[in-house]
Amino acid sequence: MASLETFDTDRLFAERLRFIHLNELNQMHQNHQVMATLGGIRSDEETRLFILNNLYHWQSHGFGLWVFRDKVTKQFVGRAGLRKTNVEGKAEVELAYALMAKFWGQGFATEMGRKILQVGVNLLGLQDIICFTLTNNLASKRVMEKLGFEYEREIIHANLPHLFYRLKV
């Protein structure tokens, strides 16, 4: 079974998000294609703050985001993990994921999500996990459905309409 610091999937190696990942996250956060589904481009400073917030989340809750690399090429594929969030006034735990565009459509998000859900359920004891995406992000919607999430409702998040899904274990 997976540990919280590092783990593997069939094709990927995951390691806990750290400041050493700043350059790769900057590349992701400044990619217009990727960030079109994640609230827009982030500056270097916003990415540093993103990492700081995620380091604090790890320290506070014992879990957070991981960086994923291709096991063979060592290329940065994306980031994904579990994080506490507030949706419409309710505390939730969210499965979050983002991939570099060159890795879209290859099943990586599903592979990452499946392993992270195993960690959440088996190591963290989570029984209720949410996931949401922009209403026009059909690829992300398919990933959520493949992972067993069920559609609940539309919500407004970051001033934009999102599809809100839930997984109850």
N, C-alpha and C. Protein backbone atom coordinates (compact mmCIF):
# COMPACT_ATOMS: atom_id res chain seq x y z
N MET A 1 0.84 -1.20 0.00
CA MET A 1 0.00 0.00 0.00
C MET A 1 0.87 1.24 0.00
N ALA A 2 0.30 2.32 -0.37
CA ALA A 2 1.01 3.59 -0.51
C ALA A 2 1.35 4.20 0.85
N SER A 3 2.43 4.96 0.87
CA SER A 3 2.73 5.79 2.03
C SER A 3 2.26 7.20 1.69
N LEU A 4 2.41 8.09 2.62
CA LEU A 4 1.98 9.46 2.33
C LEU A 4 3.08 10.30 1.67
N GLU A 5 4.33 9.99 1.89
CA GLU A 5 5.42 10.80 1.32
C GLU A 5 5.61 10.52 -0.17
N THR A 6 5.69 9.24 -0.51
CA THR A 6 5.89 8.84 -1.90
C THR A 6 5.11 7.56 -2.15
N PHE A 7 4.75 7.35 -3.39
CA PHE A 7 4.11 6.10 -3.81
C PHE A 7 4.17 6.00 -5.32
N ASP A 8 3.83 4.81 -5.81
CA ASP A 8 3.85 4.55 -7.25
C ASP A 8 2.46 4.16 -7.73
N THR A 9 2.22 4.42 -9.00
CA THR A 9 1.10 3.81 -9.72
C THR A 9 1.76 2.95 -10.79
N ASP A 10 0.99 2.40 -11.69
CA ASP A 10 1.59 1.58 -12.74
C ASP A 10 2.63 2.34 -13.55
N ARG A 11 2.31 3.58 -13.90
CA ARG A 11 3.19 4.35 -14.79
C ARG A 11 3.85 5.56 -14.14
N LEU A 12 3.46 5.88 -12.92
CA LEU A 12 3.87 7.15 -12.32
C LEU A 12 4.51 6.96 -10.95
N PHE A 13 5.36 7.91 -10.60
CA PHE A 13 5.94 8.01 -9.26
C PHE A 13 5.43 9.32 -8.66
N ALA A 14 4.95 9.26 -7.42
CA ALA A 14 4.42 10.45 -6.74
C ALA A 14 5.30 10.79 -5.55
N GLU A 15 5.54 12.09 -5.37
CA GLU A 15 6.23 12.56 -4.18
C GLU A 15 5.51 13.79 -3.65
N ARG A 16 5.53 13.89 -2.35
CA ARG A 16 4.87 15.01 -1.67
C ARG A 16 5.36 16.34 -2.25
N LEU A 17 4.42 17.25 -2.50
CA LEU A 17 4.74 18.57 -3.05
C LEU A 17 5.69 19.32 -2.13
N ARG A 18 6.75 19.89 -2.71
CA ARG A 18 7.74 20.67 -1.96
C ARG A 18 8.19 21.87 -2.78
N PHE A 19 8.99 22.72 -2.17
CA PHE A 19 9.49 23.90 -2.89
C PHE A 19 10.42 23.54 -4.05
N ILE A 20 11.01 22.34 -4.01
CA ILE A 20 11.88 21.95 -5.13
C ILE A 20 11.09 21.80 -6.43
N HIS A 21 9.78 21.76 -6.34
CA HIS A 21 8.92 21.62 -7.52
C HIS A 21 8.49 22.96 -8.10
N LEU A 22 9.02 24.06 -7.58
CA LEU A 22 8.59 25.40 -7.99
C LEU A 22 8.68 25.61 -9.50
N ASN A 23 9.80 25.27 -10.12
CA ASN A 23 9.95 25.53 -11.56
C ASN A 23 8.92 24.77 -12.38
N GLU A 24 8.69 23.50 -12.03
CA GLU A 24 7.71 22.71 -12.77
C GLU A 24 6.30 23.26 -12.58
N LEU A 25 5.98 23.66 -11.36
CA LEU A 25 4.65 24.24 -11.11
C LEU A 25 4.51 25.59 -11.81
N ASN A 26 5.58 26.37 -11.86
CA ASN A 26 5.53 27.63 -12.61
C ASN A 26 5.21 27.35 -14.08
N GLN A 27 5.84 26.32 -14.66
CA GLN A 27 5.56 25.98 -16.06
C GLN A 27 4.09 25.60 -16.23
N MET A 28 3.56 24.82 -15.29
CA MET A 28 2.15 24.44 -15.37
C MET A 28 1.25 25.66 -15.19
N HIS A 29 1.53 26.45 -14.18
CA HIS A 29 0.66 27.57 -13.83
C HIS A 29 0.73 28.72 -14.82
N GLN A 30 1.70 28.69 -15.73
CA GLN A 30 1.79 29.73 -16.76
C GLN A 30 1.44 29.20 -18.14
N ASN A 31 0.88 28.00 -18.18
CA ASN A 31 0.46 27.38 -19.44
C ASN A 31 -1.03 27.71 -19.64
N HIS A 32 -1.31 28.47 -20.70
CA HIS A 32 -2.68 28.93 -20.93
C HIS A 32 -3.66 27.78 -21.12
N GLN A 33 -3.23 26.73 -21.82
CA GLN A 33 -4.10 25.59 -22.09
C GLN A 33 -4.48 24.88 -20.78
N VAL A 34 -3.52 24.63 -19.93
CA VAL A 34 -3.77 23.94 -18.65
C VAL A 34 -4.61 24.83 -17.73
N MET A 35 -4.21 26.08 -17.61
CA MET A 35 -4.84 26.95 -16.61
C MET A 35 -6.20 27.48 -17.04
N ALA A 36 -6.60 27.23 -18.27
CA ALA A 36 -7.94 27.63 -18.72
C ALA A 36 -9.01 26.92 -17.88
N THR A 37 -8.68 25.75 -17.34
CA THR A 37 -9.64 25.00 -16.52
C THR A 37 -9.40 25.18 -15.03
N LEU A 38 -8.39 25.98 -14.67
CA LEU A 38 -8.00 26.10 -13.26
C LEU A 38 -7.97 27.55 -12.77
N GLY A 39 -8.75 28.40 -13.38
CA GLY A 39 -8.87 29.76 -12.89
C GLY A 39 -7.91 30.76 -13.49
N GLY A 40 -7.16 30.37 -14.51
CA GLY A 40 -6.29 31.32 -15.21
C GLY A 40 -4.83 31.24 -14.77
N ILE A 41 -4.01 31.90 -15.53
CA ILE A 41 -2.55 31.93 -15.32
C ILE A 41 -2.22 32.44 -13.92
N ARG A 42 -1.18 31.87 -13.32
CA ARG A 42 -0.67 32.33 -12.02
C ARG A 42 0.75 32.85 -12.20
N SER A 43 1.03 33.93 -11.53
CA SER A 43 2.39 34.50 -11.56
C SER A 43 3.34 33.63 -10.74
N ASP A 44 4.64 33.90 -10.86
CA ASP A 44 5.63 33.19 -10.04
C ASP A 44 5.30 33.35 -8.56
N GLU A 45 4.93 34.55 -8.16
CA GLU A 45 4.61 34.81 -6.76
C GLU A 45 3.36 34.04 -6.33
N GLU A 46 2.36 33.99 -7.18
CA GLU A 46 1.14 33.22 -6.86
C GLU A 46 1.45 31.73 -6.74
N THR A 47 2.38 31.24 -7.56
CA THR A 47 2.77 29.83 -7.46
C THR A 47 3.54 29.58 -6.18
N ARG A 48 4.41 30.51 -5.79
CA ARG A 48 5.10 30.36 -4.49
C ARG A 48 4.09 30.31 -3.35
N LEU A 49 3.10 31.18 -3.40
CA LEU A 49 2.05 31.19 -2.38
C LEU A 49 1.24 29.89 -2.42
N PHE A 50 0.97 29.37 -3.61
CA PHE A 50 0.29 28.09 -3.78
C PHE A 50 1.06 26.99 -3.05
N ILE A 51 2.38 26.95 -3.25
CA ILE A 51 3.20 25.94 -2.59
C ILE A 51 3.18 26.14 -1.08
N LEU A 52 3.36 27.38 -0.63
CA LEU A 52 3.32 27.66 0.82
C LEU A 52 2.01 27.19 1.43
N ASN A 53 0.90 27.51 0.78
CA ASN A 53 -0.42 27.09 1.28
C ASN A 53 -0.52 25.57 1.34
N ASN A 54 0.04 24.90 0.34
CA ASN A 54 -0.02 23.44 0.32
C ASN A 54 0.92 22.82 1.34
N LEU A 55 2.06 23.43 1.60
CA LEU A 55 2.95 22.95 2.67
C LEU A 55 2.26 23.10 4.02
N TYR A 56 1.60 24.22 4.22
CA TYR A 56 0.85 24.45 5.45
C TYR A 56 -0.28 23.41 5.59
N HIS A 57 -0.95 23.10 4.48
CA HIS A 57 -2.02 22.10 4.51
C HIS A 57 -1.46 20.76 4.96
N TRP A 58 -0.31 20.34 4.40
CA TRP A 58 0.32 19.09 4.82
C TRP A 58 0.61 19.10 6.32
N GLN A 59 1.19 20.21 6.79
CA GLN A 59 1.55 20.33 8.20
C GLN A 59 0.31 20.28 9.09
N SER A 60 -0.77 20.91 8.66
CA SER A 60 -1.99 21.00 9.46
C SER A 60 -2.83 19.74 9.44
N HIS A 61 -2.86 19.04 8.29
CA HIS A 61 -3.81 17.95 8.12
C HIS A 61 -3.17 16.59 7.87
N GLY A 62 -1.87 16.56 7.59
CA GLY A 62 -1.19 15.28 7.37
C GLY A 62 -1.37 14.71 5.98
N PHE A 63 -1.94 15.48 5.08
CA PHE A 63 -2.08 15.08 3.67
C PHE A 63 -2.17 16.34 2.81
N GLY A 64 -2.11 16.15 1.51
CA GLY A 64 -2.15 17.29 0.60
C GLY A 64 -1.94 16.86 -0.83
N LEU A 65 -1.15 17.66 -1.56
CA LEU A 65 -0.88 17.39 -2.97
C LEU A 65 0.45 16.68 -3.16
N TRP A 66 0.50 15.89 -4.22
CA TRP A 66 1.73 15.23 -4.66
C TRP A 66 2.05 15.68 -6.08
N VAL A 67 3.33 15.60 -6.42
CA VAL A 67 3.79 15.83 -7.79
C VAL A 67 4.00 14.46 -8.41
N PHE A 68 3.55 14.29 -9.64
CA PHE A 68 3.64 13.01 -10.34
C PHE A 68 4.59 13.10 -11.52
N ARG A 69 5.43 12.06 -11.65
CA ARG A 69 6.38 11.96 -12.75
C ARG A 69 6.20 10.61 -13.45
N ASP A 70 6.49 10.62 -14.74
CA ASP A 70 6.54 9.38 -15.50
C ASP A 70 7.71 8.55 -14.97
N LYS A 71 7.45 7.29 -14.64
CA LYS A 71 8.50 6.43 -14.07
C LYS A 71 9.67 6.24 -15.02
N VAL A 72 9.40 6.17 -16.32
CA VAL A 72 10.46 5.88 -17.30
C VAL A 72 11.22 7.14 -17.67
N THR A 73 10.51 8.20 -18.08
CA THR A 73 11.18 9.41 -18.60
C THR A 73 11.50 10.42 -17.50
N LYS A 74 10.89 10.26 -16.32
CA LYS A 74 11.03 11.20 -15.18
C LYS A 74 10.39 12.56 -15.45
N GLN A 75 9.64 12.68 -16.55
CA GLN A 75 8.99 13.95 -16.88
C GLN A 75 7.89 14.27 -15.88
N PHE A 76 7.75 15.57 -15.58
CA PHE A 76 6.67 16.07 -14.74
C PHE A 76 5.36 15.90 -15.50
N VAL A 77 4.44 15.12 -14.93
CA VAL A 77 3.15 14.86 -15.55
C VAL A 77 2.09 15.81 -14.99
N GLY A 78 2.14 16.05 -13.68
CA GLY A 78 1.14 16.93 -13.07
C GLY A 78 1.18 16.85 -11.56
N ARG A 79 0.13 17.41 -10.96
CA ARG A 79 -0.01 17.42 -9.51
C ARG A 79 -1.42 16.97 -9.18
N ALA A 80 -1.54 16.32 -8.04
CA ALA A 80 -2.86 15.85 -7.62
C ALA A 80 -2.81 15.50 -6.15
N GLY A 81 -3.97 15.48 -5.52
CA GLY A 81 -4.01 15.11 -4.12
C GLY A 81 -5.34 15.37 -3.48
N LEU A 82 -5.31 15.37 -2.18
CA LEU A 82 -6.49 15.61 -1.35
C LEU A 82 -6.27 16.88 -0.55
N ARG A 83 -7.31 17.69 -0.48
CA ARG A 83 -7.17 18.91 0.33
C ARG A 83 -8.52 19.29 0.91
N LYS A 84 -8.41 19.85 2.10
CA LYS A 84 -9.63 20.36 2.74
C LYS A 84 -10.01 21.65 2.05
N THR A 85 -11.30 21.81 1.84
CA THR A 85 -11.81 23.01 1.19
C THR A 85 -13.18 23.32 1.74
N ASN A 86 -13.67 24.47 1.44
CA ASN A 86 -14.99 24.89 1.88
C ASN A 86 -15.85 25.11 0.64
N VAL A 87 -16.98 24.41 0.57
CA VAL A 87 -17.89 24.56 -0.56
C VAL A 87 -19.25 24.95 -0.03
N GLU A 88 -19.67 26.15 -0.40
CA GLU A 88 -20.96 26.67 0.02
C GLU A 88 -21.15 26.58 1.54
N GLY A 89 -20.07 26.91 2.27
CA GLY A 89 -20.13 26.96 3.73
C GLY A 89 -19.91 25.63 4.43
N LYS A 90 -19.66 24.57 3.67
CA LYS A 90 -19.48 23.24 4.27
C LYS A 90 -18.04 22.77 4.08
N ALA A 91 -17.44 22.28 5.16
CA ALA A 91 -16.08 21.72 5.08
C ALA A 91 -16.13 20.40 4.33
N GLU A 92 -15.26 20.25 3.35
CA GLU A 92 -15.19 19.05 2.52
C GLU A 92 -13.73 18.66 2.32
N VAL A 93 -13.50 17.44 1.85
CA VAL A 93 -12.18 17.01 1.38
C VAL A 93 -12.31 16.78 -0.11
N GLU A 94 -11.47 17.47 -0.87
CA GLU A 94 -11.54 17.46 -2.33
C GLU A 94 -10.41 16.63 -2.93
N LEU A 95 -10.74 15.85 -3.95
CA LEU A 95 -9.73 15.27 -4.82
C LEU A 95 -9.46 16.31 -5.90
N ALA A 96 -8.20 16.75 -5.98
CA ALA A 96 -7.81 17.76 -6.97
C ALA A 96 -6.74 17.17 -7.87
N TYR A 97 -6.78 17.52 -9.14
CA TYR A 97 -5.75 17.04 -10.07
C TYR A 97 -5.59 18.02 -11.22
N ALA A 98 -4.37 18.10 -11.72
CA ALA A 98 -4.05 18.93 -12.88
C ALA A 98 -2.87 18.30 -13.60
N LEU A 99 -2.98 18.19 -14.90
CA LEU A 99 -1.93 17.57 -15.71
C LEU A 99 -1.43 18.53 -16.77
N MET A 100 -0.17 18.39 -17.11
CA MET A 100 0.38 19.11 -18.24
C MET A 100 -0.37 18.63 -19.49
N ALA A 101 -0.64 19.54 -20.42
CA ALA A 101 -1.49 19.24 -21.57
C ALA A 101 -0.98 18.06 -22.40
N LYS A 102 0.33 17.90 -22.50
CA LYS A 102 0.87 16.81 -23.34
C LYS A 102 0.52 15.43 -22.79
N PHE A 103 0.03 15.37 -21.54
CA PHE A 103 -0.33 14.08 -20.93
C PHE A 103 -1.84 13.86 -20.86
N TRP A 104 -2.61 14.80 -21.43
CA TRP A 104 -4.06 14.65 -21.43
C TRP A 104 -4.48 13.47 -22.31
N GLY A 105 -5.59 12.86 -21.96
CA GLY A 105 -6.18 11.83 -22.79
C GLY A 105 -5.46 10.49 -22.77
N GLN A 106 -4.58 10.28 -21.80
CA GLN A 106 -3.81 9.03 -21.73
C GLN A 106 -4.14 8.21 -20.48
N GLY A 107 -5.16 8.63 -19.73
CA GLY A 107 -5.57 7.89 -18.54
C GLY A 107 -4.77 8.21 -17.28
N PHE A 108 -3.89 9.20 -17.35
CA PHE A 108 -3.06 9.53 -16.18
C PHE A 108 -3.89 10.10 -15.03
N ALA A 109 -4.85 10.98 -15.32
CA ALA A 109 -5.65 11.58 -14.25
C ALA A 109 -6.44 10.50 -13.50
N THR A 110 -6.97 9.54 -14.24
CA THR A 110 -7.71 8.45 -13.61
C THR A 110 -6.77 7.59 -12.76
N GLU A 111 -5.59 7.32 -13.29
CA GLU A 111 -4.59 6.52 -12.57
C GLU A 111 -4.17 7.22 -11.27
N MET A 112 -3.90 8.52 -11.37
CA MET A 112 -3.53 9.30 -10.20
C MET A 112 -4.67 9.32 -9.19
N GLY A 113 -5.87 9.62 -9.67
CA GLY A 113 -7.03 9.70 -8.80
C GLY A 113 -7.33 8.40 -8.09
N ARG A 114 -7.23 7.29 -8.81
CA ARG A 114 -7.53 5.99 -8.21
C ARG A 114 -6.59 5.71 -7.03
N LYS A 115 -5.30 5.97 -7.21
CA LYS A 115 -4.32 5.72 -6.15
C LYS A 115 -4.53 6.68 -4.98
N ILE A 116 -4.80 7.93 -5.28
CA ILE A 116 -5.03 8.92 -4.22
C ILE A 116 -6.27 8.56 -3.41
N LEU A 117 -7.31 8.08 -4.07
CA LEU A 117 -8.51 7.66 -3.34
C LEU A 117 -8.20 6.47 -2.44
N GLN A 118 -7.35 5.53 -2.90
CA GLN A 118 -6.93 4.42 -2.04
C GLN A 118 -6.22 4.95 -0.80
N VAL A 119 -5.33 5.91 -0.99
CA VAL A 119 -4.63 6.52 0.14
C VAL A 119 -5.64 7.18 1.08
N GLY A 120 -6.57 7.94 0.52
CA GLY A 120 -7.57 8.64 1.33
C GLY A 120 -8.43 7.72 2.15
N VAL A 121 -8.87 6.64 1.54
CA VAL A 121 -9.77 5.71 2.22
C VAL A 121 -8.99 4.79 3.16
N ASN A 122 -7.93 4.16 2.65
CA ASN A 122 -7.23 3.12 3.42
C ASN A 122 -6.26 3.67 4.46
N LEU A 123 -5.58 4.77 4.16
CA LEU A 123 -4.60 5.31 5.11
C LEU A 123 -5.14 6.47 5.95
N LEU A 124 -6.06 7.24 5.38
CA LEU A 124 -6.57 8.41 6.10
C LEU A 124 -7.98 8.19 6.66
N GLY A 125 -8.63 7.11 6.26
CA GLY A 125 -9.95 6.81 6.79
C GLY A 125 -11.05 7.71 6.28
N LEU A 126 -10.85 8.35 5.13
CA LEU A 126 -11.88 9.23 4.58
C LEU A 126 -13.04 8.40 4.03
N GLN A 127 -14.25 8.89 4.23
CA GLN A 127 -15.43 8.18 3.75
C GLN A 127 -16.28 9.02 2.82
N ASP A 128 -15.90 10.30 2.67
CA ASP A 128 -16.70 11.23 1.88
C ASP A 128 -15.72 12.21 1.21
N ILE A 129 -15.60 12.12 -0.10
CA ILE A 129 -14.65 12.95 -0.85
C ILE A 129 -15.41 13.60 -1.99
N ILE A 130 -15.12 14.86 -2.23
CA ILE A 130 -15.80 15.59 -3.31
C ILE A 130 -14.81 15.90 -4.42
N CYS A 131 -15.36 16.28 -5.54
CA CYS A 131 -14.56 16.67 -6.70
C CYS A 131 -15.43 17.61 -7.53
N PHE A 132 -14.85 18.62 -8.14
CA PHE A 132 -15.65 19.49 -8.99
C PHE A 132 -14.81 20.03 -10.13
N THR A 133 -15.51 20.43 -11.18
CA THR A 133 -14.84 20.95 -12.37
C THR A 133 -15.75 21.95 -13.06
N LEU A 134 -15.16 22.77 -13.91
CA LEU A 134 -15.96 23.68 -14.72
C LEU A 134 -16.95 22.88 -15.55
N THR A 135 -18.11 23.46 -15.81
CA THR A 135 -19.17 22.73 -16.52
C THR A 135 -18.75 22.30 -17.92
N ASN A 136 -17.80 23.00 -18.53
CA ASN A 136 -17.38 22.66 -19.90
C ASN A 136 -16.17 21.73 -19.94
N ASN A 137 -15.66 21.28 -18.78
CA ASN A 137 -14.49 20.40 -18.75
C ASN A 137 -14.94 18.94 -18.78
N LEU A 138 -15.28 18.49 -19.98
CA LEU A 138 -15.85 17.15 -20.14
C LEU A 138 -14.84 16.06 -19.81
N ALA A 139 -13.56 16.29 -20.06
CA ALA A 139 -12.54 15.28 -19.75
C ALA A 139 -12.47 15.05 -18.24
N SER A 140 -12.49 16.13 -17.47
CA SER A 140 -12.44 16.00 -16.01
C SER A 140 -13.72 15.33 -15.49
N LYS A 141 -14.83 15.66 -16.08
CA LYS A 141 -16.11 15.02 -15.71
C LYS A 141 -16.01 13.51 -15.92
N ARG A 142 -15.44 13.08 -17.05
CA ARG A 142 -15.28 11.64 -17.32
C ARG A 142 -14.37 10.98 -16.29
N VAL A 143 -13.30 11.68 -15.90
CA VAL A 143 -12.38 11.14 -14.89
C VAL A 143 -13.14 10.91 -13.58
N MET A 144 -13.89 11.91 -13.15
CA MET A 144 -14.65 11.78 -11.89
C MET A 144 -15.61 10.60 -11.95
N GLU A 145 -16.28 10.44 -13.07
CA GLU A 145 -17.25 9.34 -13.19
C GLU A 145 -16.54 7.98 -13.22
N LYS A 146 -15.38 7.89 -13.89
CA LYS A 146 -14.61 6.64 -13.90
C LYS A 146 -14.16 6.26 -12.50
N LEU A 147 -13.90 7.27 -11.67
CA LEU A 147 -13.42 7.03 -10.30
C LEU A 147 -14.56 6.71 -9.33
N GLY A 148 -15.79 6.77 -9.82
CA GLY A 148 -16.93 6.40 -8.98
C GLY A 148 -17.65 7.57 -8.32
N PHE A 149 -17.25 8.79 -8.64
CA PHE A 149 -17.94 9.96 -8.10
C PHE A 149 -19.32 10.06 -8.74
N GLU A 150 -20.29 10.54 -7.97
CA GLU A 150 -21.65 10.72 -8.48
C GLU A 150 -22.00 12.21 -8.49
N TYR A 151 -22.61 12.62 -9.58
CA TYR A 151 -23.04 14.01 -9.73
C TYR A 151 -24.05 14.38 -8.66
N GLU A 152 -23.84 15.54 -8.03
CA GLU A 152 -24.81 16.04 -7.04
C GLU A 152 -25.56 17.26 -7.53
N ARG A 153 -24.79 18.25 -8.00
CA ARG A 153 -25.44 19.51 -8.36
C ARG A 153 -24.43 20.44 -9.05
N GLU A 154 -24.95 21.56 -9.55
CA GLU A 154 -24.07 22.62 -10.04
C GLU A 154 -23.81 23.58 -8.88
N ILE A 155 -22.60 24.09 -8.82
CA ILE A 155 -22.25 25.09 -7.81
C ILE A 155 -21.53 26.24 -8.50
N ILE A 156 -21.40 27.33 -7.79
CA ILE A 156 -20.57 28.44 -8.23
C ILE A 156 -19.31 28.40 -7.38
N HIS A 157 -18.16 28.26 -8.04
CA HIS A 157 -16.86 28.25 -7.37
C HIS A 157 -15.96 29.21 -8.12
N ALA A 158 -15.25 30.07 -7.38
CA ALA A 158 -14.40 31.09 -7.99
C ALA A 158 -15.19 31.89 -9.02
N ASN A 159 -16.45 32.17 -8.70
CA ASN A 159 -17.35 32.96 -9.54
C ASN A 159 -17.68 32.32 -10.88
N LEU A 160 -17.48 31.01 -10.99
CA LEU A 160 -17.79 30.30 -12.24
C LEU A 160 -18.63 29.06 -11.95
N PRO A 161 -19.50 28.67 -12.91
CA PRO A 161 -20.32 27.47 -12.70
C PRO A 161 -19.47 26.20 -12.78
N HIS A 162 -19.67 25.31 -11.83
CA HIS A 162 -18.95 24.03 -11.74
C HIS A 162 -19.94 22.89 -11.56
N LEU A 163 -19.52 21.71 -11.99
CA LEU A 163 -20.23 20.47 -11.70
C LEU A 163 -19.65 19.91 -10.43
N PHE A 164 -20.50 19.54 -9.48
CA PHE A 164 -20.06 19.08 -8.16
C PHE A 164 -20.40 17.61 -8.01
N TYR A 165 -19.38 16.81 -7.70
CA TYR A 165 -19.52 15.36 -7.56
C TYR A 165 -19.09 14.93 -6.16
N ARG A 166 -19.60 13.76 -5.73
CA ARG A 166 -19.26 13.23 -4.41
C ARG A 166 -19.04 11.72 -4.52
N LEU A 167 -18.07 11.24 -3.71
CA LEU A 167 -17.82 9.82 -3.57
C LEU A 167 -18.00 9.47 -2.11
N LYS A 168 -18.93 8.57 -1.84
CA LYS A 168 -19.13 8.07 -0.46
C LYS A 168 -18.67 6.64 -0.42
N VAL A 169 -17.82 6.35 0.56
CA VAL A 169 -17.25 5.00 0.67
C VAL A 169 -18.04 4.20 1.70
